[in-house]
Amino acid sequence: MDNFRIEKDSMGEVKVTKGALYGAQTQRAIDNFQLSDLMMPRAFIRSMALIKQISAQTNLALQAIDASIAKAIIKACETIIDGQYDAADKHFPVDVFQTGSGTSSNMNVNEVVGALASQYTHCPVDPNDHVNMSQSSNDVIPTAIHISAALAIANDLLPALEHLDKSIINKADSLTSCIKTGRTHLMDAMPISLGQSLLSWSGQLQHAQRGIKAGLIELLQLAQGGTAVGTGVNAHTEFSRIFCQLLAEKTQLDFRPSSNKFTLIASQDVAVNVSGNLKTLAVALLKIANDLRWMNSGPLSGLGEISLTALQPGSSIMPGKVNPVIPESVAMVAAQVIGNDTSITIGGQSGNFELNVMLPMIAYNILQSIGLLSNGMRTLADKAIVDFTVNNDRLNEQLAKSPILVTALNPIIGYQKAAHIAKKAYAEQRAIIEVAEEETELSHAELKELLDPEKLTFGGLPGGK
């Protein structure tokens, strides 16, 4: 008993670890939910503290709470927001896989804030009556999902995406004169510049960015003020408006009350949509990562078109082996995000009547996806895209042997004749221009002009036809 203290709640007495800031309801959650070693992300806990802080400010503005208690709550919340209590296992230890409404996490934050606030005022600050005033877990947790995801997207994900896209565009600009063999079905195709190939990646990122920005706008609509089922019972009619106004001032994001709080409490369609856009970004990153791996493959028996910077030994048994570790890590990030999206989709289906009951899992997965993508994109930009080198000799060697260049002669000699030339060149391992000069009436100068790989990257027919 020396390691415990006795706390009480509506269900009776509970033994709580001494030194812990939480109380009886958090302890019950610890005892009931021992399913994993996963706890709610720090970004989520800080958003919860932000909700409690802004709620106290709102209640104070509405004269619904004693000023000294409100100020104590505001001060206590600021310490959590600042990260002074980031040791999650000590003060915020509730398992992600808990009650589907997230009530355990809501009460965990309420109890910690109440304990801290009680140190700043002359009277005890009650977790339910004071910290949770004008709120319910049912509007707090959906609001925390929106706030934490919106802040992470605005402050981390979008800047990281823009950084990667800018790195790709800058690299593409420096590679416009590097002509390589294009590939479709992993087989040789018409020439393309490395710059053009990279700009394809940029287009994917910009498409994903548009979807993510649209989703961010939806996240700025909040359920706060809807309380238990969306009707706003026990909250002032002006609560949601003032809450969003104060929150927007603090975060510099345009948060506003939802016109339909019933929807945001009963469903998680916004989170599902945002996760879908994150999955689209993950798919783009997987494409980029795999292209880099293929182009870097070798160095002797693969494509060997580029060389990624050597970062670490690639084998415990094969000396000198170096692997494309950054693209591999980003590919795993993409796989995790795609898996998270499936879980969030299933979670979104679990809105039963007036409440979704997979909120903690949705919160954890969406924040993990945002964090992984943010870190992955910066790593990919700084450790793979910016400093890879081009093996021009290899590119030129492959182009010279490519029978596919004969495609440029189709309009002049016809498909069948061109196919014959391509097969003969490949069979005899000769340059296409040599065989074409033998098999057609075109001069060497004409063929050199028609089969120039760099000119072929601009498309069109000779003379602009």
Protein backbone atom coordinates (compact mmCIF):
# COMPACT_ATOMS: atom_id res chain seq x y z
CA MET A 1 0.00 0.00 0.00
CA ASP A 2 3.00 2.33 0.33
CA ASN A 3 3.02 2.64 -3.47
CA PHE A 4 -0.66 3.50 -3.79
CA ARG A 5 -3.21 6.07 -2.72
CA ILE A 6 -7.00 5.68 -2.57
CA GLU A 7 -9.12 7.66 -5.03
CA LYS A 8 -12.91 7.67 -5.37
CA ASP A 9 -15.29 8.01 -8.31
CA SER A 10 -18.97 7.28 -8.88
CA MET A 11 -18.27 3.53 -8.74
CA GLY A 12 -16.33 3.58 -5.46
CA GLU A 13 -12.73 3.38 -4.30
CA VAL A 14 -9.72 2.60 -6.50
CA LYS A 15 -6.03 2.15 -5.69
CA VAL A 16 -3.99 4.63 -7.76
CA THR A 17 -0.21 4.74 -8.10
CA LYS A 18 1.33 7.40 -5.89
CA GLY A 19 2.78 10.30 -7.83
CA ALA A 20 0.48 9.84 -10.78
CA LEU A 21 -1.50 12.96 -11.66
CA TYR A 22 -4.47 10.95 -12.92
CA GLY A 23 -7.28 9.63 -10.74
CA ALA A 24 -9.77 6.81 -10.34
CA GLN A 25 -11.26 6.72 -13.84
CA THR A 26 -7.87 6.60 -15.52
CA GLN A 27 -6.80 3.81 -13.17
CA ARG A 28 -9.89 1.81 -14.10
CA ALA A 29 -8.96 2.21 -17.76
CA ILE A 30 -5.41 1.03 -17.04
CA ASP A 31 -6.79 -2.04 -15.29
CA ASN A 32 -9.37 -2.77 -17.98
CA PHE A 33 -7.41 -2.13 -21.16
CA GLN A 34 -4.10 -3.98 -21.33
CA LEU A 35 -4.26 -4.90 -24.99
CA SER A 36 -1.10 -3.29 -26.37
CA ASP A 37 1.84 -1.04 -25.58
CA LEU A 38 0.30 1.73 -27.72
CA MET A 39 -0.82 4.94 -26.07
CA MET A 40 -2.53 7.98 -27.52
CA PRO A 41 -0.04 10.13 -29.49
CA ARG A 42 1.44 13.23 -27.90
CA ALA A 43 -0.13 15.39 -30.62
CA PHE A 44 -3.52 14.05 -29.61
CA ILE A 45 -2.98 14.62 -25.87
CA ARG A 46 -1.81 18.16 -26.52
CA SER A 47 -4.89 18.82 -28.63
CA MET A 48 -7.03 17.49 -25.80
CA ALA A 49 -5.31 19.89 -23.40
CA LEU A 50 -5.89 22.67 -25.92
CA ILE A 51 -9.62 21.83 -25.96
CA LYS A 52 -9.73 21.97 -22.14
CA GLN A 53 -7.89 25.28 -22.13
CA ILE A 54 -10.09 26.93 -24.75
CA SER A 55 -13.20 25.50 -23.06
CA ALA A 56 -12.16 27.12 -19.77
CA GLN A 57 -11.60 30.43 -21.57
CA THR A 58 -15.01 30.11 -23.23
CA ASN A 59 -16.78 29.26 -19.99
CA LEU A 60 -15.05 32.22 -18.35
CA ALA A 61 -16.18 34.54 -21.16
CA LEU A 62 -19.73 33.25 -20.66
CA GLN A 63 -19.44 33.72 -16.87
CA ALA A 64 -20.23 30.02 -16.34
CA ILE A 65 -17.19 29.24 -14.16
CA ASP A 66 -15.35 30.83 -11.26
CA ALA A 67 -12.55 33.00 -12.61
CA SER A 68 -9.84 31.56 -10.33
CA ILE A 69 -10.73 27.98 -11.33
CA ALA A 70 -10.81 28.86 -15.04
CA LYS A 71 -7.42 30.57 -14.84
CA ALA A 72 -5.97 27.57 -13.00
CA ILE A 73 -7.25 25.22 -15.71
CA ILE A 74 -5.84 27.47 -18.43
CA LYS A 75 -2.43 27.50 -16.74
CA ALA A 76 -2.43 23.74 -16.17
CA CYS A 77 -3.33 23.06 -19.79
CA GLU A 78 -0.52 25.28 -21.02
CA THR A 79 2.04 23.15 -19.20
CA ILE A 80 0.72 20.05 -21.02
CA ILE A 81 0.61 21.84 -24.37
CA ASP A 82 4.23 22.94 -23.81
CA GLY A 83 5.27 19.31 -23.37
CA GLN A 84 6.16 19.42 -19.68
CA TYR A 85 4.25 16.16 -19.11
CA ASP A 86 5.18 14.26 -22.24
CA ALA A 87 6.19 11.12 -20.33
CA ALA A 88 3.09 9.35 -21.62
CA ASP A 89 3.43 6.17 -19.58
CA LYS A 90 3.51 8.20 -16.36
CA HIS A 91 0.54 10.52 -16.76
CA PHE A 92 -1.29 9.54 -19.97
CA PRO A 93 -0.98 5.74 -20.02
CA VAL A 94 -4.36 4.70 -21.41
CA ASP A 95 -4.21 2.05 -24.14
CA VAL A 96 -5.30 3.06 -27.64
CA PHE A 97 -7.62 0.05 -27.64
CA GLN A 98 -10.05 1.30 -25.02
CA THR A 99 -13.66 2.38 -24.91
CA GLY A 100 -14.66 3.32 -28.46
CA SER A 101 -15.79 6.82 -27.54
CA GLY A 102 -12.41 7.66 -26.04
CA THR A 103 -14.04 8.46 -22.69
CA SER A 104 -11.09 6.95 -20.85
CA SER A 105 -8.67 9.33 -22.57
CA ASN A 106 -10.99 12.28 -22.03
CA MET A 107 -11.20 11.53 -18.31
CA ASN A 108 -7.46 10.90 -18.17
CA VAL A 109 -6.83 14.43 -19.44
CA ASN A 110 -9.59 15.84 -17.22
CA GLU A 111 -8.03 14.24 -14.14
CA VAL A 112 -4.48 15.33 -14.93
CA VAL A 113 -5.59 18.89 -15.69
CA GLY A 114 -7.70 18.92 -12.53
CA ALA A 115 -4.78 17.77 -10.38
CA LEU A 116 -2.43 20.35 -11.87
CA ALA A 117 -5.00 23.15 -11.71
CA SER A 118 -5.72 22.38 -8.06
CA GLN A 119 -2.12 23.39 -7.31
CA TYR A 120 -2.79 26.86 -8.69
CA THR A 121 -5.98 27.79 -6.84
CA HIS A 122 -7.41 27.82 -3.34
CA CYS A 123 -10.01 25.11 -3.99
CA PRO A 124 -10.00 21.67 -5.64
CA VAL A 125 -10.63 21.65 -9.40
CA ASP A 126 -13.05 18.85 -10.27
CA PRO A 127 -12.31 16.83 -13.46
CA ASN A 128 -15.98 16.56 -14.41
CA ASP A 129 -17.64 19.69 -13.08
CA HIS A 130 -14.85 22.14 -13.92
CA VAL A 131 -12.39 20.75 -16.49
CA ASN A 132 -15.11 19.00 -18.51
CA MET A 133 -17.65 21.84 -18.18
CA SER A 134 -19.84 22.30 -21.29
CA GLN A 135 -18.25 19.21 -22.85
CA SER A 136 -18.76 15.50 -23.40
CA SER A 137 -16.30 12.84 -24.47
CA ASN A 138 -18.58 12.49 -27.48
CA ASP A 139 -17.76 15.93 -28.86
CA VAL A 140 -14.29 16.32 -27.31
CA ILE A 141 -12.72 13.25 -28.94
CA PRO A 142 -14.01 13.93 -32.51
CA THR A 143 -12.86 17.54 -32.05
CA ALA A 144 -9.44 16.40 -30.85
CA ILE A 145 -9.11 14.19 -33.95
CA HIS A 146 -9.86 17.17 -36.18
CA ILE A 147 -7.61 19.61 -34.32
CA SER A 148 -4.61 17.28 -33.98
CA ALA A 149 -4.83 16.14 -37.61
CA ALA A 150 -5.31 19.70 -38.90
CA LEU A 151 -2.33 21.02 -36.95
CA ALA A 152 -0.13 18.11 -38.04
CA ILE A 153 -1.11 18.54 -41.68
CA ALA A 154 -0.69 22.32 -41.68
CA ASN A 155 2.54 22.45 -39.67
CA ASP A 156 4.29 19.23 -40.70
CA LEU A 157 2.82 17.35 -43.65
CA LEU A 158 2.21 20.12 -46.17
CA PRO A 159 5.61 21.79 -45.57
CA ALA A 160 7.30 18.39 -45.95
CA LEU A 161 5.36 17.68 -49.14
CA GLU A 162 6.30 21.05 -50.59
CA HIS A 163 9.94 20.44 -49.63
CA LEU A 164 10.00 17.10 -51.44
CA ASP A 165 8.23 18.48 -54.49
CA LYS A 166 10.61 21.44 -54.70
CA SER A 167 13.59 19.09 -54.38
CA ILE A 168 12.27 16.95 -57.23
CA ILE A 169 11.57 19.94 -59.48
CA ASN A 170 15.04 21.39 -58.85
CA LYS A 171 16.62 18.02 -59.58
CA ALA A 172 14.52 17.64 -62.73
CA ASP A 173 15.66 21.04 -63.97
CA SER A 174 19.28 19.90 -63.68
CA LEU A 175 18.63 16.69 -65.63
CA THR A 176 16.84 17.92 -68.76
CA SER A 177 19.82 16.97 -70.97
CA CYS A 178 20.16 13.47 -69.47
CA ILE A 179 18.34 11.18 -71.89
CA LYS A 180 17.49 7.65 -70.82
CA THR A 181 15.61 4.68 -72.21
CA GLY A 182 11.96 4.94 -71.28
CA ARG A 183 10.31 1.82 -69.92
CA THR A 184 6.79 0.46 -70.13
CA HIS A 185 5.97 -2.98 -68.70
CA LEU A 186 9.60 -2.81 -67.41
CA MET A 187 10.64 -3.20 -71.06
CA ASP A 188 12.54 -0.74 -73.27
CA ALA A 189 10.40 2.03 -74.69
CA MET A 190 10.96 5.40 -76.37
CA PRO A 191 13.54 7.81 -74.89
CA ILE A 192 12.68 10.20 -72.10
CA SER A 193 14.79 12.71 -70.23
CA LEU A 194 15.49 12.07 -66.57
CA GLY A 195 14.00 15.50 -65.92
CA GLN A 196 10.73 14.47 -67.58
CA SER A 197 10.68 11.27 -65.58
CA LEU A 198 11.09 13.16 -62.31
CA LEU A 199 8.41 15.68 -63.26
CA SER A 200 6.02 12.74 -63.38
CA TRP A 201 6.70 12.28 -59.67
CA SER A 202 6.08 15.97 -59.05
CA GLY A 203 2.69 15.71 -60.75
CA GLN A 204 1.72 12.85 -58.43
CA LEU A 205 2.73 14.84 -55.36
CA GLN A 206 0.81 17.90 -56.49
CA HIS A 207 -2.30 15.80 -57.10
CA ALA A 208 -2.04 14.37 -53.59
CA GLN A 209 -1.45 17.84 -52.19
CA ARG A 210 -4.70 19.14 -53.66
CA GLY A 211 -6.67 16.36 -52.00
CA ILE A 212 -4.94 16.87 -48.65
CA LYS A 213 -5.64 20.61 -48.71
CA ALA A 214 -9.31 19.94 -49.44
CA GLY A 215 -9.42 17.52 -46.52
CA LEU A 216 -7.80 20.10 -44.25
CA ILE A 217 -10.67 22.48 -44.93
CA GLU A 218 -13.11 19.82 -43.74
CA LEU A 219 -11.05 19.18 -40.59
CA LEU A 220 -11.47 22.82 -39.58
CA GLN A 221 -15.17 22.20 -38.92
CA LEU A 222 -15.61 21.08 -35.31
CA ALA A 223 -18.14 19.12 -33.29
CA GLN A 224 -17.30 20.96 -30.06
CA GLY A 225 -20.42 22.28 -28.39
CA GLY A 226 -22.55 19.34 -29.52
CA THR A 227 -21.85 17.58 -26.18
CA ALA A 228 -23.45 14.13 -25.78
CA VAL A 229 -25.42 13.57 -29.00
CA GLY A 230 -25.11 16.80 -30.97
CA THR A 231 -27.92 18.76 -29.33
CA GLY A 232 -25.57 20.81 -27.12
CA VAL A 233 -27.19 19.82 -23.82
CA ASN A 234 -25.46 21.42 -20.78
CA ALA A 235 -23.54 23.88 -22.98
CA HIS A 236 -24.32 27.55 -23.56
CA THR A 237 -25.79 28.26 -26.99
CA GLU A 238 -22.83 30.56 -27.72
CA PHE A 239 -20.23 28.05 -26.51
CA SER A 240 -19.24 26.55 -29.87
CA ARG A 241 -18.97 29.93 -31.59
CA ILE A 242 -16.75 31.48 -28.91
CA PHE A 243 -14.73 28.26 -28.57
CA CYS A 244 -13.87 28.21 -32.27
CA GLN A 245 -13.09 31.92 -32.32
CA LEU A 246 -10.61 31.58 -29.44
CA LEU A 247 -9.12 28.40 -30.91
CA ALA A 248 -8.61 30.05 -34.30
CA GLU A 249 -6.83 32.98 -32.66
CA LYS A 250 -4.46 30.66 -30.79
CA THR A 251 -3.67 28.25 -33.66
CA GLN A 252 -3.93 30.63 -36.64
CA LEU A 253 -6.14 28.07 -38.37
CA ASP A 254 -9.69 28.94 -39.40
CA PHE A 255 -11.56 26.58 -37.07
CA ARG A 256 -15.32 27.04 -37.03
CA PRO A 257 -18.40 25.32 -35.60
CA SER A 258 -19.90 22.63 -37.78
CA SER A 259 -23.38 23.42 -39.03
CA ASN A 260 -24.27 19.79 -38.33
CA LYS A 261 -22.65 18.55 -35.13
CA PHE A 262 -24.79 15.41 -35.22
CA THR A 263 -22.83 14.23 -38.25
CA LEU A 264 -19.39 14.85 -36.76
CA ILE A 265 -20.29 12.98 -33.57
CA ALA A 266 -22.08 10.07 -35.24
CA SER A 267 -19.58 9.54 -38.06
CA GLN A 268 -15.93 9.87 -39.00
CA ASP A 269 -16.37 10.47 -42.72
CA VAL A 270 -14.00 13.44 -42.65
CA ALA A 271 -11.23 11.31 -41.13
CA VAL A 272 -11.91 8.57 -43.68
CA ASN A 273 -11.61 11.10 -46.50
CA VAL A 274 -8.41 12.61 -45.09
CA SER A 275 -6.94 9.14 -44.66
CA GLY A 276 -7.82 8.34 -48.26
CA ASN A 277 -5.87 11.39 -49.39
CA LEU A 278 -2.94 10.32 -47.21
CA LYS A 279 -3.11 6.92 -48.89
CA THR A 280 -2.96 8.59 -52.30
CA LEU A 281 0.22 10.35 -51.17
CA ALA A 282 1.60 7.04 -49.86
CA VAL A 283 0.96 5.41 -53.24
CA ALA A 284 2.87 8.25 -54.96
CA LEU A 285 5.80 7.83 -52.57
CA LEU A 286 5.83 4.09 -53.17
CA LYS A 287 6.04 4.74 -56.92
CA ILE A 288 8.91 7.20 -56.43
CA ALA A 289 10.75 4.88 -54.04
CA ASN A 290 10.50 1.91 -56.40
CA ASP A 291 11.58 3.95 -59.43
CA LEU A 292 14.67 5.05 -57.51
CA ARG A 293 15.43 1.47 -56.52
CA TRP A 294 15.14 0.26 -60.11
CA MET A 295 17.25 3.08 -61.57
CA ASN A 296 19.89 2.51 -58.88
CA SER A 297 19.91 -1.28 -59.31
CA GLY A 298 23.23 -2.91 -60.00
CA PRO A 299 25.81 -1.59 -60.03
CA LEU A 300 26.82 -4.10 -62.72
CA SER A 301 23.89 -6.42 -63.38
CA GLY A 302 21.01 -3.94 -62.94
CA LEU A 303 19.94 -0.78 -64.74
CA GLY A 304 22.64 1.29 -63.10
CA GLU A 305 21.24 4.56 -64.44
CA ILE A 306 21.80 6.51 -61.22
CA SER A 307 23.81 6.09 -58.06
CA LEU A 308 22.17 6.90 -54.75
CA THR A 309 24.47 8.20 -52.03
CA ALA A 310 26.04 5.36 -50.03
CA LEU A 311 24.81 5.74 -46.45
CA GLN A 312 25.68 2.48 -44.70
CA PRO A 313 27.03 -1.02 -45.35
CA GLY A 314 24.38 -3.14 -47.05
CA SER A 315 25.30 -6.61 -45.90
CA SER A 316 26.70 -8.38 -42.87
CA ILE A 317 28.35 -10.98 -45.11
CA MET A 318 29.00 -9.38 -48.53
CA PRO A 319 31.75 -6.73 -48.26
CA GLY A 320 31.25 -3.58 -50.30
CA LYS A 321 27.53 -4.09 -50.84
CA VAL A 322 25.47 -0.92 -50.52
CA ASN A 323 21.67 -0.92 -50.64
CA PRO A 324 19.02 1.75 -51.43
CA VAL A 325 18.03 2.03 -47.77
CA ILE A 326 16.15 5.35 -47.96
CA PRO A 327 13.74 4.29 -50.75
CA GLU A 328 13.22 1.01 -48.89
CA SER A 329 12.32 2.78 -45.66
CA VAL A 330 9.94 5.13 -47.46
CA ALA A 331 8.30 2.15 -49.19
CA MET A 332 7.62 0.65 -45.76
CA VAL A 333 6.17 3.97 -44.60
CA ALA A 334 3.82 3.87 -47.58
CA ALA A 335 2.77 0.31 -46.77
CA GLN A 336 2.01 1.26 -43.15
CA VAL A 337 -0.07 4.27 -44.23
CA ILE A 338 -2.05 2.13 -46.67
CA GLY A 339 -2.71 -0.36 -43.87
CA ASN A 340 -3.73 2.45 -41.52
CA ASP A 341 -6.21 3.65 -44.11
CA THR A 342 -7.90 0.25 -44.13
CA SER A 343 -8.25 0.36 -40.33
CA ILE A 344 -9.62 3.91 -40.46
CA THR A 345 -12.10 2.87 -43.16
CA ILE A 346 -13.38 0.06 -40.95
CA GLY A 347 -13.44 2.47 -38.02
CA GLY A 348 -15.52 4.91 -40.04
CA GLN A 349 -18.13 2.21 -40.55
CA SER A 350 -18.59 1.93 -36.79
CA GLY A 351 -20.86 4.90 -36.30
CA ASN A 352 -23.84 3.40 -34.48
CA PHE A 353 -26.77 5.80 -34.34
CA GLU A 354 -25.46 8.92 -32.52
CA LEU A 355 -21.80 8.00 -31.92
CA ASN A 356 -18.83 6.44 -33.66
CA VAL A 357 -17.18 3.89 -31.36
CA MET A 358 -13.70 3.42 -32.86
CA LEU A 359 -12.44 6.95 -32.22
CA PRO A 360 -9.17 6.24 -30.38
CA MET A 361 -7.96 3.85 -33.07
CA ILE A 362 -8.88 6.33 -35.81
CA ALA A 363 -7.02 9.09 -33.97
CA TYR A 364 -3.91 6.97 -33.48
CA ASN A 365 -3.73 5.76 -37.08
CA ILE A 366 -4.37 9.07 -38.79
CA LEU A 367 -1.74 10.84 -36.68
CA GLN A 368 0.74 8.02 -37.24
CA SER A 369 0.16 8.25 -40.99
CA ILE A 370 0.69 12.02 -41.01
CA GLY A 371 3.86 11.70 -38.95
CA LEU A 372 5.32 8.88 -41.04
CA LEU A 373 4.61 10.66 -44.30
CA SER A 374 6.04 13.96 -43.04
CA ASN A 375 9.27 12.36 -41.87
CA GLY A 376 9.48 10.06 -44.88
CA MET A 377 9.18 12.86 -47.42
CA ARG A 378 11.90 14.98 -45.82
CA THR A 379 14.19 11.96 -45.58
CA LEU A 380 13.55 11.02 -49.20
CA ALA A 381 14.24 14.57 -50.36
CA ASP A 382 17.39 15.16 -48.34
CA LYS A 383 19.00 11.71 -48.47
CA ALA A 384 17.97 10.36 -51.88
CA ILE A 385 16.66 12.97 -54.33
CA VAL A 386 18.98 15.92 -53.80
CA ASP A 387 22.31 14.15 -54.19
CA PHE A 388 21.90 11.15 -56.46
CA THR A 389 24.29 11.12 -59.41
CA VAL A 390 23.59 10.13 -63.00
CA ASN A 391 25.62 7.47 -64.79
CA ASN A 392 25.57 9.12 -68.23
CA ASP A 393 27.83 6.54 -69.87
CA ARG A 394 25.37 3.82 -68.93
CA LEU A 395 22.41 5.85 -70.22
CA ASN A 396 24.11 6.46 -73.57
CA GLU A 397 25.15 2.83 -73.91
CA GLN A 398 21.60 1.63 -73.36
CA LEU A 399 20.16 4.18 -75.78
CA ALA A 400 22.61 3.27 -78.54
CA LYS A 401 21.54 -0.38 -78.38
CA SER A 402 17.81 0.27 -78.06
CA PRO A 403 15.93 -1.12 -81.10
CA ILE A 404 12.82 0.75 -79.92
CA LEU A 405 14.24 3.96 -81.43
CA VAL A 406 13.01 2.64 -84.78
CA THR A 407 9.51 3.72 -83.68
CA ALA A 408 10.42 7.19 -84.94
CA LEU A 409 10.57 5.75 -88.49
CA ASN A 410 7.01 4.35 -88.42
CA PRO A 411 5.45 7.33 -90.27
CA ILE A 412 8.08 7.05 -93.01
CA ILE A 413 8.66 3.32 -93.59
CA GLY A 414 5.63 1.78 -91.85
CA TYR A 415 5.21 -0.35 -88.75
CA GLN A 416 6.03 -3.73 -90.36
CA LYS A 417 9.28 -2.56 -91.94
CA ALA A 418 10.29 -0.86 -88.70
CA ALA A 419 9.55 -4.04 -86.75
CA HIS A 420 11.79 -6.02 -89.10
CA ILE A 421 14.64 -3.54 -88.57
CA ALA A 422 14.20 -3.62 -84.79
CA LYS A 423 14.31 -7.42 -84.65
CA LYS A 424 17.36 -7.60 -86.90
CA ALA A 425 19.22 -4.99 -84.86
CA TYR A 426 18.46 -6.81 -81.65
CA ALA A 427 19.37 -10.24 -83.06
CA GLU A 428 22.68 -8.99 -84.44
CA GLN A 429 23.40 -6.72 -81.45
CA ARG A 430 23.95 -3.77 -83.77
CA ALA A 431 23.03 -0.13 -83.53
CA ILE A 432 19.61 0.61 -84.98
CA ILE A 433 20.98 3.34 -87.24
CA GLU A 434 23.31 0.87 -88.99
CA VAL A 435 20.57 -1.63 -89.76
CA ALA A 436 18.12 1.10 -90.82
CA GLU A 437 20.68 2.49 -93.25
CA GLU A 438 20.98 -0.97 -94.84
CA GLU A 439 17.26 -1.69 -94.93
CA THR A 440 15.91 1.70 -96.09
CA GLU A 441 16.69 4.38 -98.65
CA LEU A 442 17.21 6.95 -95.92
CA SER A 443 20.67 8.49 -95.69
CA HIS A 444 22.84 8.28 -92.61
CA ALA A 445 22.33 12.01 -92.03
CA GLU A 446 18.54 11.65 -92.27
CA LEU A 447 18.55 8.68 -89.91
CA LYS A 448 20.77 10.47 -87.44
CA GLU A 449 18.31 13.35 -87.40
CA LEU A 450 15.24 11.10 -87.12
CA LEU A 451 16.72 8.82 -84.45
CA ASP A 452 18.27 11.52 -82.26
CA PRO A 453 17.17 10.43 -78.72
CA GLU A 454 17.13 13.97 -77.35
CA LYS A 455 14.85 15.24 -80.12
CA LEU A 456 12.56 12.25 -79.61
CA THR A 457 11.89 13.34 -76.03
CA PHE A 458 9.99 16.35 -77.39
CA GLY A 459 7.53 14.18 -79.37
CA GLY A 460 5.79 15.10 -82.58
CA LEU A 461 6.80 14.34 -86.15
CA PRO A 462 9.62 15.90 -88.18
CA GLY A 463 8.61 19.35 -89.38
CA GLY A 464 6.08 19.65 -86.58
CA LYS A 465 3.56 17.39 -88.36
